[in-house]
């Protein structure tokens, strides 16, 4: 298992030494990881990366090579380096499980740990979250747009390195993809691997027909031909049909499918289907690819395109507006078992954080099953089960009384006193969980364009703590 302990920014370690020198290393701090806006212009995000964080925390230690490198920088004291030799995580971590729809400003991860420990893990924790949430959210947007059409993740060659490619493949499955082209991800996570052929396989051959025939002889039971290398309707599909009739059908096989990777996909898919039907090969599946986005997929469906499966690469591993923007902020300190709330103020109200040790709840309508709102509350608040008044934190006059609901606490304890106490589900359990949770979101929140915003409110008690702390700090400046 790879040791990512040194995957940290220098200032995490310089701050850690300052805490060490000030005898503050054992002070208990509370940090929240969250994003301020839903990623990818979506109405939601999809939680992911928890499995990577678990592996990271379980393997957190500075080995001799790490210590020698830090010593070579000539900025750390001998006492501090000796402390790092014995370093391990001893705190508590709470997290929203992978596959859960998530929203702005709610804590996705809560770390309650000795100050140095909480600080040192910031960089790696955010790196895991930002990448994984990007991949799951991008995939889920495409899966939602595709409806019942299977989505295959083809993004390995577009990813920012092999590790990112494997992570994207794994996350795409959690978010609802049917499989991946990435063989390493298939081996590592036991997920289906899928694929057809590249244009180079066709251009290398003396003719398109010869290329298809060679492939058919190699894989007679799994032939999917890429038909847009020269001309889909004049060359690609006719040659696919000819190879099927000349070789596959006489040998008891059928042409499994064709893939179209360029051109007017709606028109070409419909015309290709006509050719296939005329050749008594209407059972041949049609796969579309070519930089497809959620809005493009919806448009193709609206145009009546014939689509049996979709291949997506770029817009899963490197989508437009891909920055998730997870941050990690100190929201409290523990003193004599009491929580002392902490806050960061900003002229930009969006960047003023919500202080305190918190929990996150989701209210569901008992009749419809739809999620009504999320509530961020202090950790020791009791949430009534019969009636609750939601308060918009940006406009306290906007209040909604809800009844006839069920409520679920979203944050789950993962580590306790440094020990893993959480049984991380399998990828397919996470996939099924994600699909079920997505059914609870109103369709307007899942819209591709200009989605409705899910309500994320603060409890009245937490809102008062926040206002009082802001007022106290401003009065002291």
Protein backbone atom coordinates (compact mmCIF):
# COMPACT_ATOMS: atom_id res chain seq x y z
CA UNK A 1 0.00 0.00 0.00
CA UNK A 2 1.42 3.37 -1.01
CA UNK A 3 2.44 5.71 1.80
CA UNK A 4 1.06 9.19 1.11
CA UNK A 5 2.22 10.71 4.40
CA UNK A 6 4.55 13.14 2.62
CA UNK A 7 1.67 14.23 0.37
CA UNK A 8 1.31 17.41 2.36
CA UNK A 9 2.06 21.08 1.82
CA UNK A 10 5.16 22.47 3.49
CA UNK A 11 3.14 24.92 5.55
CA UNK A 12 1.28 22.04 7.21
CA UNK A 13 4.63 20.91 8.62
CA UNK A 14 5.92 24.36 9.50
CA UNK A 15 2.66 25.12 11.32
CA UNK A 16 2.96 21.72 13.01
CA UNK A 17 6.41 22.60 14.32
CA UNK A 18 5.09 25.94 15.58
CA UNK A 19 2.32 24.08 17.45
CA UNK A 20 4.92 21.65 18.76
CA UNK A 21 7.18 24.45 19.99
CA UNK A 22 4.22 26.13 21.70
CA UNK A 23 3.23 22.92 23.50
CA UNK A 24 -0.05 22.89 21.55
CA UNK A 25 0.40 19.57 19.81
CA UNK A 26 -2.09 17.80 22.09
CA UNK A 27 -4.84 20.41 21.84
CA UNK A 28 -7.92 18.88 20.24
CA UNK A 29 -9.12 20.64 17.10
CA UNK A 30 -12.17 20.20 14.88
CA UNK A 31 -11.88 20.64 11.11
CA UNK A 32 -14.59 20.46 8.44
CA UNK A 33 -14.04 19.59 4.78
CA UNK A 34 -16.75 20.97 2.47
CA UNK A 35 -17.35 22.79 -0.81
CA UNK A 36 -19.07 26.15 -1.18
CA UNK A 37 -20.84 25.49 -4.48
CA UNK A 38 -22.07 22.30 -6.10
CA UNK A 39 -19.43 21.16 -8.62
CA UNK A 40 -19.65 21.10 -12.42
CA UNK A 41 -22.60 23.54 -12.54
CA UNK A 42 -24.70 20.71 -11.15
CA UNK A 43 -27.51 20.74 -8.62
CA UNK A 44 -25.61 18.21 -6.48
CA UNK A 45 -22.29 16.49 -5.93
CA UNK A 46 -21.68 12.79 -5.29
CA UNK A 47 -19.52 11.90 -2.30
CA UNK A 48 -16.45 9.78 -3.05
CA UNK A 49 -12.87 9.22 -1.96
CA UNK A 50 -13.60 7.80 1.48
CA UNK A 51 -11.93 4.47 0.69
CA UNK A 52 -8.74 6.30 -0.33
CA UNK A 53 -8.85 8.39 2.84
CA UNK A 54 -9.26 5.26 4.96
CA UNK A 55 -6.21 3.66 3.34
CA UNK A 56 -4.25 6.89 3.76
CA UNK A 57 -5.03 7.23 7.46
CA UNK A 58 -4.33 3.56 8.13
CA UNK A 59 -0.88 3.90 6.56
CA UNK A 60 -0.01 7.32 7.98
CA UNK A 61 3.58 7.37 9.28
CA UNK A 62 6.90 9.04 8.54
CA UNK A 63 9.57 6.50 7.60
CA UNK A 64 13.34 6.99 7.87
CA UNK A 65 13.63 8.30 4.30
CA UNK A 66 10.92 10.85 4.99
CA UNK A 67 12.65 12.04 8.14
CA UNK A 68 16.01 12.30 6.40
CA UNK A 69 14.50 14.36 3.60
CA UNK A 70 12.86 16.72 6.09
CA UNK A 71 16.15 16.96 7.97
CA UNK A 72 17.90 17.94 4.73
CA UNK A 73 15.64 20.99 4.40
CA UNK A 74 17.34 22.42 7.50
CA UNK A 75 14.19 24.10 8.76
CA UNK A 76 12.90 21.61 11.32
CA UNK A 77 14.20 21.03 14.84
CA UNK A 78 15.63 17.72 16.01
CA UNK A 79 12.92 17.43 18.67
CA UNK A 80 10.17 17.91 16.10
CA UNK A 81 11.68 15.35 13.74
CA UNK A 82 11.91 12.89 16.64
CA UNK A 83 8.21 13.53 17.29
CA UNK A 84 7.40 12.77 13.64
CA UNK A 85 9.20 9.42 13.90
CA UNK A 86 6.46 8.30 16.30
CA UNK A 87 3.66 10.08 14.46
CA UNK A 88 0.33 8.36 13.84
CA UNK A 89 -3.29 9.40 13.69
CA UNK A 90 -5.09 9.05 17.04
CA UNK A 91 -8.24 11.11 16.49
CA UNK A 92 -11.80 10.69 15.25
CA UNK A 93 -13.05 11.09 11.69
CA UNK A 94 -16.67 11.34 10.58
CA UNK A 95 -17.70 11.22 6.92
CA UNK A 96 -20.68 11.13 4.61
CA UNK A 97 -20.56 7.70 2.88
CA UNK A 98 -19.40 7.34 -0.72
CA UNK A 99 -22.25 7.53 -3.23
CA UNK A 100 -24.34 10.01 -1.23
CA UNK A 101 -25.66 13.13 -3.00
CA UNK A 102 -24.02 16.09 -1.26
CA UNK A 103 -24.53 19.83 -1.25
CA UNK A 104 -22.86 23.16 -0.59
CA UNK A 105 -21.44 24.08 2.82
CA UNK A 106 -22.31 20.83 4.59
CA UNK A 107 -19.41 19.00 6.27
CA UNK A 108 -18.40 16.02 4.13
CA UNK A 109 -15.60 15.06 6.48
CA UNK A 110 -15.25 16.09 10.13
CA UNK A 111 -11.88 15.57 11.81
CA UNK A 112 -11.62 15.77 15.59
CA UNK A 113 -8.01 15.14 16.53
CA UNK A 114 -4.87 16.55 18.15
CA UNK A 115 -4.03 19.79 16.35
CA UNK A 116 -0.88 18.62 14.56
CA UNK A 117 -2.54 15.43 13.35
CA UNK A 118 -5.58 17.31 12.06
CA UNK A 119 -3.35 19.81 10.29
CA UNK A 120 -0.92 17.42 8.61
CA UNK A 121 -3.65 15.36 6.92
CA UNK A 122 -5.31 18.38 5.26
CA UNK A 123 -3.55 18.30 1.88
CA UNK A 124 -3.96 14.62 1.11
CA UNK A 125 -7.53 14.54 2.40
CA UNK A 126 -8.54 17.44 0.13
CA UNK A 127 -6.70 15.93 -2.82
CA UNK A 128 -8.63 12.67 -2.49
CA UNK A 129 -11.95 14.46 -2.06
CA UNK A 130 -11.56 16.98 -4.88
CA UNK A 131 -10.57 14.37 -7.46
CA UNK A 132 -13.04 11.66 -6.49
CA UNK A 133 -16.05 13.96 -6.13
CA UNK A 134 -15.26 15.42 -9.55
CA UNK A 135 -15.29 11.98 -11.19
CA UNK A 136 -18.44 10.73 -9.47
CA UNK A 137 -20.38 13.94 -10.08
CA UNK A 138 -19.35 14.14 -13.73
CA UNK A 139 -20.33 10.51 -14.27
CA UNK A 140 -23.64 10.83 -12.47
CA UNK A 141 -24.65 13.85 -14.55
CA UNK A 142 -24.05 11.77 -17.68
CA UNK A 143 -25.81 8.71 -16.25
CA UNK A 144 -28.84 10.82 -15.34
CA UNK A 145 -28.93 12.30 -18.83
CA UNK A 146 -28.60 8.85 -20.43
CA UNK A 147 -31.48 7.33 -18.49
CA UNK A 148 -31.59 3.58 -19.15
CA UNK A 149 -28.77 3.72 -21.73
CA UNK A 150 -25.56 2.12 -20.33
CA UNK A 151 -22.58 4.47 -19.97
CA UNK A 152 -19.03 3.17 -20.41
CA UNK A 153 -16.06 5.10 -19.01
CA UNK A 154 -13.34 5.46 -21.68
CA UNK A 155 -11.20 8.18 -20.10
CA UNK A 156 -7.87 6.57 -19.17
CA UNK A 157 -5.85 8.23 -21.92
CA UNK A 158 -7.29 11.67 -21.03
CA UNK A 159 -6.65 11.39 -17.29
CA UNK A 160 -3.97 13.30 -15.42
CA UNK A 161 -1.75 10.26 -14.93
CA UNK A 162 -2.32 6.55 -14.23
CA UNK A 163 -3.43 6.95 -10.61
CA UNK A 164 -6.05 9.49 -11.64
CA UNK A 165 -7.23 7.21 -14.44
CA UNK A 166 -7.79 4.28 -12.06
CA UNK A 167 -9.54 6.50 -9.51
CA UNK A 168 -11.82 7.89 -12.22
CA UNK A 169 -12.72 4.39 -13.38
CA UNK A 170 -13.59 3.30 -9.85
CA UNK A 171 -15.61 6.44 -9.15
CA UNK A 172 -17.48 6.14 -12.43
CA UNK A 173 -18.76 2.71 -11.36
CA UNK A 174 -19.94 4.06 -7.99
CA UNK A 175 -21.80 6.81 -9.86
CA UNK A 176 -23.55 4.37 -12.19
CA UNK A 177 -21.30 3.57 -15.16
CA UNK A 178 -21.61 0.06 -16.58
CA UNK A 179 -17.88 -0.54 -17.05
CA UNK A 180 -14.51 0.90 -18.00
CA UNK A 181 -11.92 0.56 -20.73
CA UNK A 182 -9.18 0.69 -18.08
CA UNK A 183 -7.76 -2.81 -17.63
CA UNK A 184 -5.76 -1.87 -14.50
CA UNK A 185 -8.92 -0.60 -12.83
CA UNK A 186 -10.71 -3.77 -13.89
CA UNK A 187 -8.03 -5.92 -12.32
CA UNK A 188 -7.74 -3.84 -9.14
CA UNK A 189 -11.44 -3.44 -8.41
CA UNK A 190 -12.99 -6.40 -10.25
CA UNK A 191 -15.15 -4.17 -12.46
CA UNK A 192 -16.18 -4.96 -16.06
CA UNK A 193 -13.74 -3.93 -18.78
CA UNK A 194 -15.16 -2.91 -22.13
CA UNK A 195 -13.97 -1.55 -25.45
CA UNK A 196 -13.97 -1.80 -29.21
CA UNK A 197 -11.06 -0.72 -31.41
CA UNK A 198 -9.14 2.42 -32.39
CA UNK A 199 -9.06 4.13 -35.76
CA UNK A 200 -5.43 3.05 -36.09
CA UNK A 201 -6.53 -0.59 -36.34
CA UNK A 202 -8.41 0.34 -39.49
CA UNK A 203 -5.93 2.75 -41.06
CA UNK A 204 -3.13 0.19 -40.57
CA UNK A 205 -4.91 -2.37 -42.73
CA UNK A 206 -5.04 -2.31 -46.52
CA UNK A 207 -8.79 -1.74 -46.36
CA UNK A 208 -11.55 -1.18 -43.84
CA UNK A 209 -13.09 -4.51 -44.83
CA UNK A 210 -9.80 -6.32 -44.13
CA UNK A 211 -9.50 -4.65 -40.72
CA UNK A 212 -13.01 -5.68 -39.73
CA UNK A 213 -12.45 -9.23 -41.02
CA UNK A 214 -9.22 -9.62 -39.06
CA UNK A 215 -10.95 -8.46 -35.91
CA UNK A 216 -13.90 -10.76 -36.53
CA UNK A 217 -11.56 -13.75 -36.84
CA UNK A 218 -9.91 -12.80 -33.55
CA UNK A 219 -13.12 -12.04 -31.61
CA UNK A 220 -16.07 -13.60 -33.44
CA UNK A 221 -18.32 -13.53 -30.39
CA UNK A 222 -17.60 -9.94 -29.40
CA UNK A 223 -17.37 -7.85 -32.55
CA UNK A 224 -18.03 -4.13 -32.23
CA UNK A 225 -16.69 -2.28 -35.26
CA UNK A 226 -15.67 1.39 -35.28
CA UNK A 227 -17.39 2.59 -38.45
CA UNK A 228 -16.49 6.29 -38.82
CA UNK A 229 -12.84 6.10 -39.94
CA UNK A 230 -13.70 6.95 -43.56
CA UNK A 231 -17.45 7.32 -44.08
CA UNK A 232 -20.07 5.84 -41.76
CA UNK A 233 -22.86 5.25 -44.27
CA UNK A 234 -20.91 4.68 -47.50
CA UNK A 235 -18.10 2.59 -46.08
CA UNK A 236 -18.16 1.78 -42.37
CA UNK A 237 -21.59 0.24 -41.91
CA UNK A 238 -21.62 -1.51 -45.33
CA UNK A 239 -18.25 -3.11 -44.56
CA UNK A 240 -19.44 -4.15 -41.12
CA UNK A 241 -22.49 -5.79 -42.70
CA UNK A 242 -20.37 -7.49 -45.36
CA UNK A 243 -17.96 -8.98 -42.79
CA UNK A 244 -20.93 -10.18 -40.75
CA UNK A 245 -22.43 -11.93 -43.77
CA UNK A 246 -19.11 -13.21 -45.15
CA UNK A 247 -17.66 -14.53 -41.89
CA UNK A 248 -19.64 -14.08 -38.68
CA UNK A 249 -23.03 -15.46 -39.66
CA UNK A 250 -21.60 -18.49 -41.56
CA UNK A 251 -19.69 -19.33 -38.38
CA UNK A 252 -22.76 -19.09 -36.16
CA UNK A 253 -22.02 -15.62 -34.78
CA UNK A 254 -23.71 -12.22 -34.97
CA UNK A 255 -22.31 -8.71 -35.25
CA UNK A 256 -22.56 -7.43 -31.70
CA UNK A 257 -22.38 -3.72 -32.46
CA UNK A 258 -20.99 -0.70 -34.22
CA UNK A 259 -19.51 2.46 -32.70
CA UNK A 260 -19.83 5.94 -34.21
CA UNK A 261 -17.27 8.42 -32.92
CA UNK A 262 -17.74 11.51 -35.10
CA UNK A 263 -20.17 13.42 -37.26
CA UNK A 264 -23.86 14.10 -36.76
CA UNK A 265 -24.49 11.30 -34.29
CA UNK A 266 -28.27 11.58 -34.30
CA UNK A 267 -28.54 11.39 -38.09
CA UNK A 268 -25.83 8.76 -38.52
CA UNK A 269 -27.23 6.48 -35.82
CA UNK A 270 -30.72 6.53 -37.35
CA UNK A 271 -29.44 5.94 -40.89
CA UNK A 272 -27.09 3.20 -39.70
CA UNK A 273 -29.99 1.44 -38.01
CA UNK A 274 -31.92 1.49 -41.29
CA UNK A 275 -29.00 -0.15 -43.10
CA UNK A 276 -28.70 -2.79 -40.41
CA UNK A 277 -32.42 -3.56 -40.46
CA UNK A 278 -32.39 -3.82 -44.25
CA UNK A 279 -29.57 -6.36 -43.93
CA UNK A 280 -31.61 -8.38 -41.42
CA UNK A 281 -29.19 -7.31 -38.68
CA UNK A 282 -31.47 -5.08 -36.63
CA UNK A 283 -30.23 -6.73 -33.43
CA UNK A 284 -26.83 -5.04 -33.88
CA UNK A 285 -26.25 -2.50 -31.10
CA UNK A 286 -25.15 1.09 -31.72
CA UNK A 287 -22.62 2.75 -29.42
CA UNK A 288 -22.05 6.52 -29.63
CA UNK A 289 -18.99 8.37 -28.38
CA UNK A 290 -17.07 11.57 -29.26
CA UNK A 291 -16.71 13.91 -26.27
CA UNK A 292 -20.29 13.49 -25.12
CA UNK A 293 -21.62 15.71 -22.32
CA UNK A 294 -24.85 15.44 -20.37
CA UNK A 295 -26.60 18.15 -22.38
CA UNK A 296 -25.41 16.61 -25.68
CA UNK A 297 -26.78 13.23 -24.64
CA UNK A 298 -30.15 14.73 -23.75
CA UNK A 299 -30.22 16.49 -27.11
CA UNK A 300 -29.41 13.26 -28.97
CA UNK A 301 -32.21 11.44 -27.16
CA UNK A 302 -34.63 14.29 -27.93
CA UNK A 303 -33.64 14.03 -31.60
CA UNK A 304 -34.52 10.35 -31.67
CA UNK A 305 -30.95 9.08 -31.98
CA UNK A 306 -30.56 5.30 -31.83
CA UNK A 307 -28.37 4.66 -28.82
CA UNK A 308 -27.77 1.31 -27.15
CA UNK A 309 -24.69 2.41 -25.20
CA UNK A 310 -22.53 5.49 -24.67
CA UNK A 311 -18.75 5.80 -24.34
CA UNK A 312 -17.50 8.81 -22.37
CA UNK A 313 -13.90 9.78 -21.66
CA UNK A 314 -12.93 13.44 -21.41
CA UNK A 315 -16.08 14.54 -19.64
CA UNK A 316 -15.57 12.11 -16.79
CA UNK A 317 -11.82 12.37 -16.19
CA UNK A 318 -11.41 16.06 -17.11
CA UNK A 319 -14.81 17.75 -17.45
CA UNK A 320 -15.27 21.46 -18.08
CA UNK A 321 -15.38 23.51 -14.86
CA UNK A 322 -13.87 20.48 -13.13
CA UNK A 323 -12.79 22.29 -9.96
CA UNK A 324 -14.76 20.94 -7.00
CA UNK A 325 -13.25 23.39 -4.54
CA UNK A 326 -13.32 21.38 -1.31
CA UNK A 327 -11.74 23.32 1.56
CA UNK A 328 -10.69 22.30 5.06
CA UNK A 329 -11.32 24.76 7.87
CA UNK A 330 -10.81 24.86 11.62
CA UNK A 331 -14.30 25.21 13.12
CA UNK A 332 -13.62 24.54 16.78
CA UNK A 333 -11.27 23.62 19.60
CA UNK A 334 -11.96 21.39 22.60
CA UNK A 335 -11.31 22.79 26.07
CA UNK A 336 -12.26 20.80 29.16
CA UNK A 337 -14.64 18.75 27.00
CA UNK A 338 -16.39 21.91 25.80
CA UNK A 339 -16.43 22.95 22.15
CA UNK A 340 -15.06 26.44 21.56
CA UNK A 341 -16.40 27.43 18.12
CA UNK A 342 -13.99 29.03 15.65
CA UNK A 343 -14.78 31.01 12.53
CA UNK A 344 -13.11 32.51 9.49
CA UNK A 345 -14.65 35.81 8.41
CA UNK A 346 -14.53 37.26 4.92
CA UNK A 347 -15.78 40.28 3.02
CA UNK A 348 -17.23 37.65 0.70
CA UNK A 349 -20.08 36.25 2.78
CA UNK A 350 -19.86 32.96 0.88
CA UNK A 351 -16.44 32.40 2.45
CA UNK A 352 -17.55 33.00 6.04
CA UNK A 353 -17.55 29.50 7.48
CA UNK A 354 -20.04 27.92 9.86
CA UNK A 355 -18.39 27.27 13.24
CA UNK A 356 -18.73 24.46 15.73
CA UNK A 357 -18.83 20.67 16.02
CA UNK A 358 -21.73 19.73 13.75
CA UNK A 359 -23.94 17.02 12.36
CA UNK A 360 -25.77 16.88 9.03
CA UNK A 361 -29.32 15.61 8.65
CA UNK A 362 -31.49 14.93 5.61
CA UNK A 363 -35.28 15.20 5.79
CA UNK A 364 -37.38 12.96 3.53
CA UNK A 365 -41.07 13.31 2.74
CA UNK A 366 -42.83 10.21 4.08
CA UNK A 367 -45.32 10.15 1.21
CA UNK A 368 -43.07 10.73 -1.80
CA UNK A 369 -39.65 9.71 -0.51
CA UNK A 370 -38.16 12.93 -1.89
CA UNK A 371 -35.46 14.71 0.10
CA UNK A 372 -36.98 17.93 1.43
CA UNK A 373 -33.84 19.61 2.74
CA UNK A 374 -30.55 19.11 4.53
CA UNK A 375 -29.97 20.56 7.98
CA UNK A 376 -26.63 21.42 9.58
CA UNK A 377 -26.95 21.42 13.36
CA UNK A 378 -24.74 21.38 16.43
CA UNK A 379 -23.56 17.90 17.40
CA UNK A 380 -25.59 17.74 20.62
CA UNK A 381 -28.89 19.05 19.25
CA UNK A 382 -31.97 16.82 19.25
CA UNK A 383 -33.94 16.84 16.01
CA UNK A 384 -37.69 16.40 16.56
CA UNK A 385 -39.39 13.67 14.57
CA UNK A 386 -42.82 15.27 14.12
CA UNK A 387 -42.36 18.93 13.18
CA UNK A 388 -39.42 21.18 12.31
CA UNK A 389 -38.97 24.73 11.06
CA UNK A 390 -36.26 25.16 8.43
CA UNK A 391 -34.48 28.51 8.34
CA UNK A 392 -32.68 29.84 5.27
CA UNK A 393 -29.26 30.94 6.60
CA UNK A 394 -29.06 33.68 3.95
CA UNK A 395 -32.52 35.07 4.76
CA UNK A 396 -33.90 34.27 8.20
CA UNK A 397 -37.36 35.52 7.24
CA UNK A 398 -37.56 32.62 4.79
CA UNK A 399 -38.78 29.82 7.06
CA UNK A 400 -40.58 26.59 6.21
CA UNK A 401 -42.38 24.35 8.67
CA UNK A 402 -42.26 20.67 7.70
CA UNK A 403 -44.15 17.67 9.04
CA UNK A 404 -44.70 14.06 7.99
CA UNK A 405 -41.01 13.40 7.41
CA UNK A 406 -38.30 10.95 8.24
CA UNK A 407 -34.83 12.20 9.07
CA UNK A 408 -31.43 10.58 8.57
CA UNK A 409 -28.08 11.57 10.03
CA UNK A 410 -25.56 11.67 7.18
CA UNK A 411 -22.18 11.78 8.93
CA UNK A 412 -20.92 8.35 10.00
CA UNK A 413 -18.04 7.73 12.39
CA UNK A 414 -15.13 6.21 10.47
CA UNK A 415 -12.20 6.37 12.91
CA UNK A 416 -12.38 6.44 16.68
CA UNK A 417 -9.21 7.19 18.64
CA UNK A 418 -7.25 6.39 15.50
CA UNK A 419 -8.88 2.98 14.98
CA UNK A 420 -10.96 2.17 11.92
CA UNK A 421 -14.49 1.23 13.05
CA UNK A 422 -16.27 1.55 9.70
CA UNK A 423 -16.90 -1.34 7.31
CA UNK A 424 -16.36 0.24 3.89
CA UNK A 425 -18.92 -1.20 1.42
CA UNK A 426 -17.97 -2.78 -1.89
CA UNK A 427 -17.97 -0.72 -5.06
CA UNK A 428 -21.21 -2.35 -6.20
CA UNK A 429 -22.90 -1.75 -2.84
CA UNK A 430 -21.90 1.90 -3.22
CA UNK A 431 -23.25 1.92 -6.78
CA UNK A 432 -26.63 0.56 -5.69
CA UNK A 433 -26.73 2.94 -2.73
CA UNK A 434 -25.96 5.92 -4.98
CA UNK A 435 -28.69 4.94 -7.45
CA UNK A 436 -31.26 4.65 -4.65
CA UNK A 437 -30.25 7.95 -3.04
CA UNK A 438 -30.44 9.75 -6.39
CA UNK A 439 -34.08 8.65 -6.66
CA UNK A 440 -34.80 10.77 -3.59
CA UNK A 441 -33.76 14.01 -5.32
CA UNK A 442 -36.42 16.09 -7.01
CA UNK A 443 -36.09 15.97 -10.83
CA UNK A 444 -35.56 19.75 -10.87
CA UNK A 445 -32.36 19.31 -8.83
CA UNK A 446 -31.09 16.75 -11.38
CA UNK A 447 -31.76 19.01 -14.38
CA UNK A 448 -28.80 19.32 -16.74
CA UNK A 449 -29.26 23.08 -17.22
CA UNK A 450 -29.94 25.57 -14.43
CA UNK A 451 -30.84 23.00 -11.80
CA UNK A 452 -32.93 23.93 -8.78
CA UNK A 453 -30.95 24.29 -5.56
CA UNK A 454 -31.53 21.78 -2.79
CA UNK A 455 -32.21 23.47 0.55
CA UNK A 456 -29.27 23.39 2.96
CA UNK A 457 -30.28 25.14 6.17
CA UNK A 458 -28.81 25.81 9.60
CA UNK A 459 -30.58 25.04 12.84
CA UNK A 460 -31.68 28.08 14.79
CA UNK A 461 -29.24 27.22 17.57
CA UNK A 462 -26.30 26.93 15.17
CA UNK A 463 -27.33 30.09 13.34
CA UNK A 464 -27.33 31.98 16.64
CA UNK A 465 -23.89 30.62 17.54
CA UNK A 466 -22.59 31.82 14.18
CA UNK A 467 -24.14 35.29 14.47
CA UNK A 468 -22.94 35.77 18.06
CA UNK A 469 -19.39 34.74 17.14
CA UNK A 470 -19.32 37.09 14.14
CA UNK A 471 -20.61 39.95 16.30
CA UNK A 472 -18.10 39.26 19.07
CA UNK A 473 -15.13 39.17 16.68
CA UNK A 474 -16.19 42.32 14.83
CA UNK A 475 -16.63 44.18 18.11
CA UNK A 476 -13.15 43.18 19.18
CA UNK A 477 -11.44 44.43 16.00
